[in-house]
Amino acid sequence: MHCFYSTHYIEGTEEKSYPPSSRGKTGVYQRMAAPEAQPRFGQSVKGLLSEKVGSCSGDVIALTRQVLKGSRSQELLGQAARNMVLQEDAILHSEDSLRKMSIITTHLQYQQEAIQKNVEHSRNLQDQLRHSLK
């Protein structure tokens, strides 16, 4: 008969548990541990459990903060997108206005040239009238 057992280390204590084939009449694994290790084992488990709960609480708080931060980031991105659309509309409107102003400027230049030609032509006519009246 072979004697197999596993060794577990818990906070400086060693506990050996035997496989089911080596069970005694009570049906419980035979355990070998120092009697004074039992109170330390309970305290260390409570300490580890308390530490794990604290760690998990910290992780939950960090996760909550991250979710809130992500939510706020999402809101800011949405607002930035809306602002960008408004700016794009304003830019397109300004571009359209500039194009219209350019067309108006071109027409005003044509009118100015026509007026200058008419003024010069009227001067020539005035000169001709003066010569013919003399």
N, C-alpha and C. Protein backbone atom coordinates (compact mmCIF):
# COMPACT_ATOMS: atom_id res chain seq x y z
N MET A 1 0.83 -1.17 0.00
CA MET A 1 0.00 0.00 0.00
C MET A 1 0.88 1.24 0.00
N HIS A 2 0.53 2.18 -0.89
CA HIS A 2 1.31 3.41 -1.03
C HIS A 2 0.70 4.48 -0.15
N CYS A 3 1.52 5.37 0.34
CA CYS A 3 1.04 6.46 1.20
C CYS A 3 1.26 7.77 0.45
N PHE A 4 0.20 8.29 -0.14
CA PHE A 4 0.27 9.56 -0.86
C PHE A 4 -0.37 10.63 0.01
N TYR A 5 0.22 11.77 0.03
CA TYR A 5 -0.41 12.89 0.72
C TYR A 5 0.04 14.18 0.06
N SER A 6 -0.73 15.21 0.28
CA SER A 6 -0.36 16.52 -0.26
C SER A 6 -0.03 17.43 0.90
N THR A 7 0.84 18.37 0.64
CA THR A 7 1.26 19.31 1.67
C THR A 7 0.77 20.69 1.31
N HIS A 8 0.14 21.38 2.23
CA HIS A 8 -0.35 22.74 2.04
C HIS A 8 0.36 23.63 3.04
N TYR A 9 0.80 24.78 2.57
CA TYR A 9 1.44 25.75 3.46
C TYR A 9 0.48 26.91 3.66
N ILE A 10 0.18 27.20 4.90
CA ILE A 10 -0.70 28.31 5.22
C ILE A 10 -0.03 29.13 6.30
N GLU A 11 0.44 30.33 5.94
CA GLU A 11 1.01 31.28 6.88
C GLU A 11 2.01 30.61 7.84
N GLY A 12 2.97 29.92 7.32
CA GLY A 12 4.02 29.37 8.15
C GLY A 12 3.69 28.02 8.78
N THR A 13 2.48 27.50 8.61
CA THR A 13 2.16 26.18 9.16
C THR A 13 2.06 25.21 8.01
N GLU A 14 2.30 23.96 8.31
CA GLU A 14 2.24 22.93 7.27
C GLU A 14 1.15 21.96 7.65
N GLU A 15 0.31 21.66 6.69
CA GLU A 15 -0.78 20.72 6.95
C GLU A 15 -0.70 19.62 5.91
N LYS A 16 -0.79 18.39 6.35
CA LYS A 16 -0.74 17.26 5.42
C LYS A 16 -2.12 16.62 5.40
N SER A 17 -2.65 16.40 4.21
CA SER A 17 -3.93 15.71 4.11
C SER A 17 -3.72 14.49 3.23
N TYR A 18 -4.36 13.43 3.60
CA TYR A 18 -4.18 12.16 2.92
C TYR A 18 -5.35 11.93 1.98
N PRO A 19 -5.15 11.16 0.92
CA PRO A 19 -6.21 10.89 -0.03
C PRO A 19 -7.31 10.04 0.58
N PRO A 20 -8.50 9.94 -0.10
CA PRO A 20 -9.63 9.22 0.45
C PRO A 20 -9.34 7.76 0.79
N SER A 21 -8.40 7.12 0.11
CA SER A 21 -8.13 5.70 0.39
C SER A 21 -7.53 5.51 1.77
N SER A 22 -6.97 6.54 2.36
CA SER A 22 -6.36 6.41 3.68
C SER A 22 -7.27 6.91 4.78
N ARG A 23 -8.57 7.03 4.53
CA ARG A 23 -9.51 7.50 5.55
C ARG A 23 -9.63 6.48 6.67
N GLY A 24 -9.86 7.04 7.81
CA GLY A 24 -10.08 6.17 8.97
C GLY A 24 -11.53 5.77 9.07
N LYS A 25 -11.93 5.22 10.20
CA LYS A 25 -13.30 4.75 10.40
C LYS A 25 -14.28 5.90 10.40
N THR A 26 -13.83 7.09 10.75
CA THR A 26 -14.76 8.22 10.83
C THR A 26 -15.05 8.82 9.46
N GLY A 27 -14.28 8.49 8.44
CA GLY A 27 -14.50 9.02 7.10
C GLY A 27 -13.93 10.40 6.90
N VAL A 28 -13.11 10.88 7.81
CA VAL A 28 -12.51 12.21 7.71
C VAL A 28 -11.04 12.02 7.40
N TYR A 29 -10.50 12.92 6.60
CA TYR A 29 -9.07 12.84 6.28
C TYR A 29 -8.26 12.92 7.57
N GLN A 30 -7.20 12.17 7.57
CA GLN A 30 -6.29 12.28 8.70
C GLN A 30 -5.45 13.53 8.47
N ARG A 31 -5.36 14.35 9.48
CA ARG A 31 -4.59 15.58 9.34
C ARG A 31 -3.53 15.63 10.41
N MET A 32 -2.39 16.14 9.97
CA MET A 32 -1.30 16.30 10.91
C MET A 32 -0.94 17.76 10.95
N ALA A 33 -1.20 18.41 12.06
CA ALA A 33 -0.84 19.82 12.22
C ALA A 33 -0.53 20.05 13.68
N ALA A 34 0.28 21.03 13.90
CA ALA A 34 0.62 21.35 15.28
C ALA A 34 -0.60 21.91 15.98
N PRO A 35 -0.88 21.48 17.21
CA PRO A 35 -2.08 21.96 17.92
C PRO A 35 -2.08 23.48 18.10
N GLU A 36 -0.92 24.08 18.30
CA GLU A 36 -0.92 25.53 18.50
C GLU A 36 -1.11 26.27 17.19
N ALA A 37 -1.03 25.58 16.05
CA ALA A 37 -1.22 26.23 14.74
C ALA A 37 -2.69 26.49 14.45
N GLN A 38 -3.60 25.76 15.08
CA GLN A 38 -5.03 25.94 14.81
C GLN A 38 -5.52 27.35 15.11
N PRO A 39 -5.23 27.94 16.26
CA PRO A 39 -5.68 29.33 16.48
C PRO A 39 -5.02 30.29 15.51
N ARG A 40 -3.74 30.10 15.21
CA ARG A 40 -3.06 30.97 14.25
C ARG A 40 -3.67 30.81 12.87
N PHE A 41 -4.06 29.59 12.54
CA PHE A 41 -4.67 29.33 11.25
C PHE A 41 -5.98 30.11 11.12
N GLY A 42 -6.81 30.08 12.14
CA GLY A 42 -8.07 30.81 12.13
C GLY A 42 -7.85 32.31 12.03
N GLN A 43 -6.87 32.80 12.78
CA GLN A 43 -6.58 34.23 12.73
C GLN A 43 -6.02 34.62 11.37
N SER A 44 -5.15 33.77 10.82
CA SER A 44 -4.56 34.11 9.53
C SER A 44 -5.61 34.06 8.43
N VAL A 45 -6.56 33.12 8.51
CA VAL A 45 -7.63 33.06 7.52
C VAL A 45 -8.51 34.30 7.62
N LYS A 46 -8.82 34.70 8.85
CA LYS A 46 -9.62 35.92 9.04
C LYS A 46 -8.87 37.13 8.52
N GLY A 47 -7.58 37.18 8.77
CA GLY A 47 -6.77 38.30 8.28
C GLY A 47 -6.72 38.32 6.77
N LEU A 48 -6.50 37.15 6.17
CA LEU A 48 -6.47 37.07 4.71
C LEU A 48 -7.82 37.44 4.12
N LEU A 49 -8.88 36.93 4.74
CA LEU A 49 -10.23 37.24 4.26
C LEU A 49 -10.51 38.74 4.36
N SER A 50 -10.13 39.31 5.50
CA SER A 50 -10.32 40.76 5.69
C SER A 50 -9.52 41.53 4.65
N GLU A 51 -8.30 41.10 4.42
CA GLU A 51 -7.44 41.74 3.43
C GLU A 51 -8.05 41.64 2.03
N LYS A 52 -8.55 40.46 1.68
CA LYS A 52 -9.18 40.23 0.37
C LYS A 52 -10.42 41.09 0.20
N VAL A 53 -11.25 41.17 1.27
CA VAL A 53 -12.46 42.00 1.21
C VAL A 53 -12.08 43.46 1.00
N GLY A 54 -11.07 43.92 1.72
CA GLY A 54 -10.60 45.29 1.55
C GLY A 54 -10.08 45.54 0.15
N SER A 55 -9.33 44.58 -0.36
CA SER A 55 -8.80 44.69 -1.72
C SER A 55 -9.93 44.73 -2.75
N CYS A 56 -10.92 43.85 -2.58
CA CYS A 56 -12.06 43.81 -3.50
C CYS A 56 -12.86 45.10 -3.41
N SER A 57 -13.04 45.62 -2.20
CA SER A 57 -13.76 46.89 -2.04
C SER A 57 -13.03 48.00 -2.77
N GLY A 58 -11.72 48.03 -2.63
CA GLY A 58 -10.92 49.03 -3.34
C GLY A 58 -11.04 48.88 -4.84
N ASP A 59 -11.05 47.63 -5.31
CA ASP A 59 -11.20 47.38 -6.75
C ASP A 59 -12.57 47.82 -7.24
N VAL A 60 -13.61 47.57 -6.46
CA VAL A 60 -14.96 47.99 -6.84
C VAL A 60 -15.05 49.51 -6.90
N ILE A 61 -14.44 50.18 -5.93
CA ILE A 61 -14.43 51.65 -5.92
C ILE A 61 -13.69 52.17 -7.15
N ALA A 62 -12.53 51.58 -7.44
CA ALA A 62 -11.75 52.00 -8.61
C ALA A 62 -12.53 51.76 -9.90
N LEU A 63 -13.21 50.62 -9.98
CA LEU A 63 -14.02 50.30 -11.16
C LEU A 63 -15.16 51.30 -11.31
N THR A 64 -15.81 51.64 -10.20
CA THR A 64 -16.91 52.61 -10.23
C THR A 64 -16.41 53.96 -10.71
N ARG A 65 -15.26 54.37 -10.19
CA ARG A 65 -14.69 55.65 -10.63
C ARG A 65 -14.39 55.63 -12.12
N GLN A 66 -13.84 54.50 -12.59
CA GLN A 66 -13.49 54.39 -14.00
C GLN A 66 -14.75 54.43 -14.88
N VAL A 67 -15.82 53.77 -14.42
CA VAL A 67 -17.08 53.78 -15.18
C VAL A 67 -17.64 55.19 -15.22
N LEU A 68 -17.61 55.89 -14.08
CA LEU A 68 -18.10 57.26 -14.05
C LEU A 68 -17.25 58.17 -14.93
N LYS A 69 -15.94 57.95 -14.88
CA LYS A 69 -15.03 58.73 -15.71
C LYS A 69 -15.31 58.47 -17.19
N GLY A 70 -15.54 57.20 -17.53
CA GLY A 70 -15.88 56.84 -18.91
C GLY A 70 -17.19 57.46 -19.34
N SER A 71 -18.16 57.46 -18.43
CA SER A 71 -19.46 58.06 -18.72
C SER A 71 -19.30 59.56 -18.97
N ARG A 72 -18.53 60.21 -18.13
CA ARG A 72 -18.29 61.65 -18.29
C ARG A 72 -17.54 61.91 -19.60
N SER A 73 -16.57 61.06 -19.90
CA SER A 73 -15.83 61.20 -21.15
C SER A 73 -16.77 61.06 -22.34
N GLN A 74 -17.69 60.12 -22.25
CA GLN A 74 -18.66 59.90 -23.33
C GLN A 74 -19.54 61.14 -23.50
N GLU A 75 -19.96 61.74 -22.39
CA GLU A 75 -20.76 62.97 -22.46
C GLU A 75 -19.97 64.10 -23.12
N LEU A 76 -18.70 64.23 -22.73
CA LEU A 76 -17.87 65.29 -23.30
C LEU A 76 -17.63 65.06 -24.78
N LEU A 77 -17.43 63.81 -25.17
CA LEU A 77 -17.25 63.51 -26.60
C LEU A 77 -18.51 63.84 -27.39
N GLY A 78 -19.66 63.51 -26.83
CA GLY A 78 -20.93 63.84 -27.51
C GLY A 78 -21.10 65.34 -27.66
N GLN A 79 -20.79 66.07 -26.59
CA GLN A 79 -20.90 67.52 -26.64
C GLN A 79 -19.92 68.11 -27.66
N ALA A 80 -18.70 67.58 -27.69
CA ALA A 80 -17.70 68.05 -28.65
C ALA A 80 -18.16 67.77 -30.08
N ALA A 81 -18.77 66.62 -30.30
CA ALA A 81 -19.28 66.29 -31.65
C ALA A 81 -20.39 67.26 -32.05
N ARG A 82 -21.31 67.56 -31.12
CA ARG A 82 -22.37 68.52 -31.43
C ARG A 82 -21.79 69.90 -31.75
N ASN A 83 -20.81 70.32 -30.94
CA ASN A 83 -20.18 71.62 -31.18
C ASN A 83 -19.47 71.65 -32.54
N MET A 84 -18.84 70.53 -32.89
CA MET A 84 -18.14 70.47 -34.17
C MET A 84 -19.13 70.59 -35.33
N VAL A 85 -20.29 69.93 -35.20
CA VAL A 85 -21.31 70.04 -36.25
C VAL A 85 -21.79 71.48 -36.37
N LEU A 86 -22.00 72.15 -35.23
CA LEU A 86 -22.42 73.55 -35.26
C LEU A 86 -21.34 74.42 -35.92
N GLN A 87 -20.08 74.17 -35.58
CA GLN A 87 -18.99 74.94 -36.18
C GLN A 87 -18.89 74.68 -37.68
N GLU A 88 -19.11 73.43 -38.07
CA GLU A 88 -19.05 73.08 -39.49
C GLU A 88 -20.14 73.84 -40.25
N ASP A 89 -21.35 73.89 -39.67
CA ASP A 89 -22.44 74.64 -40.30
C ASP A 89 -22.08 76.12 -40.41
N ALA A 90 -21.50 76.68 -39.36
CA ALA A 90 -21.11 78.10 -39.38
C ALA A 90 -20.04 78.34 -40.44
N ILE A 91 -19.09 77.42 -40.55
CA ILE A 91 -18.03 77.56 -41.55
C ILE A 91 -18.62 77.48 -42.96
N LEU A 92 -19.54 76.55 -43.19
CA LEU A 92 -20.17 76.44 -44.52
C LEU A 92 -20.97 77.71 -44.84
N HIS A 93 -21.68 78.23 -43.85
CA HIS A 93 -22.44 79.47 -44.05
C HIS A 93 -21.50 80.63 -44.37
N SER A 94 -20.38 80.71 -43.65
CA SER A 94 -19.40 81.77 -43.90
C SER A 94 -18.80 81.64 -45.29
N GLU A 95 -18.51 80.42 -45.68
CA GLU A 95 -17.95 80.18 -47.02
C GLU A 95 -18.94 80.62 -48.10
N ASP A 96 -20.22 80.30 -47.90
CA ASP A 96 -21.25 80.71 -48.85
C ASP A 96 -21.35 82.24 -48.90
N SER A 97 -21.30 82.89 -47.74
CA SER A 97 -21.37 84.36 -47.69
C SER A 97 -20.17 84.97 -48.40
N LEU A 98 -18.97 84.42 -48.20
CA LEU A 98 -17.78 84.94 -48.88
C LEU A 98 -17.88 84.79 -50.39
N ARG A 99 -18.43 83.67 -50.84
CA ARG A 99 -18.60 83.46 -52.28
C ARG A 99 -19.56 84.51 -52.85
N LYS A 100 -20.66 84.76 -52.15
CA LYS A 100 -21.62 85.78 -52.60
C LYS A 100 -20.99 87.16 -52.60
N MET A 101 -20.20 87.47 -51.56
CA MET A 101 -19.53 88.77 -51.50
C MET A 101 -18.53 88.92 -52.64
N SER A 102 -17.88 87.84 -53.01
CA SER A 102 -16.93 87.88 -54.12
C SER A 102 -17.67 88.19 -55.43
N ILE A 103 -18.83 87.58 -55.63
CA ILE A 103 -19.62 87.84 -56.83
C ILE A 103 -20.08 89.30 -56.86
N ILE A 104 -20.54 89.81 -55.70
CA ILE A 104 -20.99 91.20 -55.61
C ILE A 104 -19.82 92.15 -55.90
N THR A 105 -18.63 91.83 -55.37
CA THR A 105 -17.45 92.67 -55.60
C THR A 105 -17.12 92.72 -57.09
N THR A 106 -17.20 91.58 -57.76
CA THR A 106 -16.93 91.53 -59.19
C THR A 106 -17.93 92.40 -59.96
N HIS A 107 -19.20 92.31 -59.61
CA HIS A 107 -20.22 93.12 -60.28
C HIS A 107 -20.00 94.61 -60.03
N LEU A 108 -19.63 94.96 -58.79
CA LEU A 108 -19.36 96.37 -58.48
C LEU A 108 -18.16 96.89 -59.27
N GLN A 109 -17.15 96.05 -59.48
CA GLN A 109 -15.99 96.45 -60.29
C GLN A 109 -16.41 96.70 -61.73
N TYR A 110 -17.27 95.84 -62.28
CA TYR A 110 -17.77 96.05 -63.64
C TYR A 110 -18.54 97.36 -63.73
N GLN A 111 -19.38 97.65 -62.74
CA GLN A 111 -20.15 98.88 -62.73
C GLN A 111 -19.23 100.10 -62.63
N GLN A 112 -18.17 99.99 -61.79
CA GLN A 112 -17.23 101.09 -61.64
C GLN A 112 -16.54 101.37 -62.98
N GLU A 113 -16.12 100.33 -63.66
CA GLU A 113 -15.47 100.49 -64.96
C GLU A 113 -16.42 101.15 -65.96
N ALA A 114 -17.69 100.71 -65.94
CA ALA A 114 -18.67 101.29 -66.86
C ALA A 114 -18.90 102.76 -66.55
N ILE A 115 -18.97 103.10 -65.26
CA ILE A 115 -19.17 104.50 -64.86
C ILE A 115 -17.97 105.34 -65.29
N GLN A 116 -16.74 104.80 -65.08
CA GLN A 116 -15.55 105.55 -65.48
C GLN A 116 -15.55 105.79 -67.01
N LYS A 117 -15.94 104.79 -67.78
CA LYS A 117 -16.01 104.96 -69.24
C LYS A 117 -17.04 106.02 -69.60
N ASN A 118 -18.20 105.98 -68.91
CA ASN A 118 -19.23 106.97 -69.20
C ASN A 118 -18.78 108.38 -68.81
N VAL A 119 -18.08 108.52 -67.70
CA VAL A 119 -17.57 109.84 -67.27
C VAL A 119 -16.59 110.34 -68.32
N GLU A 120 -15.69 109.48 -68.77
CA GLU A 120 -14.71 109.90 -69.78
C GLU A 120 -15.42 110.24 -71.10
N HIS A 121 -16.39 109.45 -71.44
CA HIS A 121 -17.13 109.71 -72.67
C HIS A 121 -17.89 111.03 -72.56
N SER A 122 -18.46 111.31 -71.37
CA SER A 122 -19.18 112.59 -71.20
C SER A 122 -18.21 113.76 -71.25
N ARG A 123 -16.99 113.62 -70.79
CA ARG A 123 -15.98 114.68 -70.88
C ARG A 123 -15.68 114.95 -72.36
N ASN A 124 -15.53 113.87 -73.09
CA ASN A 124 -15.25 114.02 -74.53
C ASN A 124 -16.42 114.75 -75.21
N LEU A 125 -17.63 114.40 -74.83
CA LEU A 125 -18.81 115.06 -75.42
C LEU A 125 -18.85 116.54 -75.02
N GLN A 126 -18.49 116.83 -73.77
CA GLN A 126 -18.47 118.23 -73.31
C GLN A 126 -17.43 119.02 -74.12
N ASP A 127 -16.26 118.41 -74.32
CA ASP A 127 -15.22 119.08 -75.10
C ASP A 127 -15.71 119.34 -76.54
N GLN A 128 -16.35 118.35 -77.10
CA GLN A 128 -16.86 118.51 -78.48
C GLN A 128 -17.93 119.62 -78.54
N LEU A 129 -18.80 119.70 -77.55
CA LEU A 129 -19.82 120.73 -77.51
C LEU A 129 -19.19 122.12 -77.38
N ARG A 130 -18.20 122.26 -76.57
CA ARG A 130 -17.52 123.54 -76.40
C ARG A 130 -16.88 123.99 -77.73
N HIS A 131 -16.26 123.04 -78.43
CA HIS A 131 -15.60 123.38 -79.69
C HIS A 131 -16.64 123.75 -80.76
N SER A 132 -17.73 123.03 -80.70
CA SER A 132 -18.74 123.33 -81.72
C SER A 132 -19.49 124.63 -81.41
N LEU A 133 -19.60 125.08 -80.18
CA LEU A 133 -20.26 126.31 -79.82
C LEU A 133 -19.34 127.51 -80.01
N LYS A 134 -18.14 127.37 -80.15
CA LYS A 134 -17.23 128.49 -80.32
C LYS A 134 -17.27 128.99 -81.71
